[in-house]
Amino acid sequence: MLDSLLGEIIAIAEVLMAITVIAVALFGSKILSERAFRLLRWFGNRAEPPAPELKAR
């Protein structure tokens, strides 16, 4: 009984965390959105894209 309840609580927490990260990535400020997308890439075990080159003025 306790094992199934604990499993359900952990599963719900994981789903809520995923929804929160995706919502921040889509609707958050530019900085928070960038951080959320970095976190999603980290979860997916993908490399980060190269940083844009800075042009001298």
Protein backbone atom coordinates (compact mmCIF):
# COMPACT_ATOMS: atom_id res chain seq x y z
CA MET A 1 0.00 0.00 0.00
CA LEU A 2 2.68 2.48 0.98
CA ASP A 3 4.88 1.55 -1.99
CA SER A 4 2.15 2.25 -4.55
CA LEU A 5 1.23 5.53 -2.87
CA LEU A 6 4.86 6.64 -2.81
CA GLY A 7 5.24 5.70 -6.47
CA GLU A 8 2.18 7.74 -7.41
CA ILE A 9 3.45 10.77 -5.48
CA ILE A 10 6.84 10.59 -7.20
CA ALA A 11 5.22 10.19 -10.63
CA ILE A 12 2.95 13.20 -10.04
CA ALA A 13 5.92 15.27 -8.85
CA GLU A 14 7.89 14.36 -12.00
CA VAL A 15 5.00 15.31 -14.27
CA LEU A 16 4.49 18.62 -12.47
CA MET A 17 8.21 19.39 -12.74
CA ALA A 18 8.20 18.66 -16.48
CA ILE A 19 5.11 20.83 -17.03
CA THR A 20 6.70 23.66 -15.04
CA VAL A 21 9.96 23.54 -17.01
CA ILE A 22 8.12 23.46 -20.35
CA ALA A 23 5.82 26.33 -19.33
CA VAL A 24 8.78 28.45 -18.25
CA ALA A 25 10.61 27.62 -21.47
CA LEU A 26 7.65 28.75 -23.56
CA PHE A 27 6.16 31.62 -21.57
CA GLY A 28 8.92 32.88 -19.23
CA SER A 29 11.22 35.83 -19.64
CA LYS A 30 14.09 35.57 -22.10
CA ILE A 31 16.64 34.62 -19.44
CA LEU A 32 14.38 32.06 -17.73
CA SER A 33 13.36 30.63 -21.08
CA GLU A 34 16.99 30.15 -22.08
CA ARG A 35 17.75 28.42 -18.80
CA ALA A 36 14.70 26.15 -19.12
CA PHE A 37 15.69 25.15 -22.67
CA ARG A 38 19.22 24.41 -21.42
CA LEU A 39 17.72 22.22 -18.70
CA LEU A 40 15.57 20.39 -21.28
CA ARG A 41 18.66 19.75 -23.43
CA TRP A 42 20.45 18.46 -20.33
CA PHE A 43 17.54 16.09 -19.58
CA GLY A 44 17.66 14.84 -23.16
CA ASN A 45 21.45 14.38 -22.96
CA ARG A 46 22.01 16.66 -25.95
CA ALA A 47 24.96 18.96 -26.43
CA GLU A 48 24.43 22.69 -26.28
CA PRO A 49 24.54 24.54 -29.57
CA PRO A 50 27.62 26.69 -30.16
CA ALA A 51 27.46 30.22 -28.82
CA PRO A 52 26.94 32.94 -31.40
CA GLU A 53 30.07 34.75 -32.48
CA LEU A 54 30.42 38.30 -31.24
CA LYS A 55 31.08 40.79 -34.00
CA ALA A 56 33.52 43.60 -33.36
CA ARG A 57 32.21 47.09 -34.06
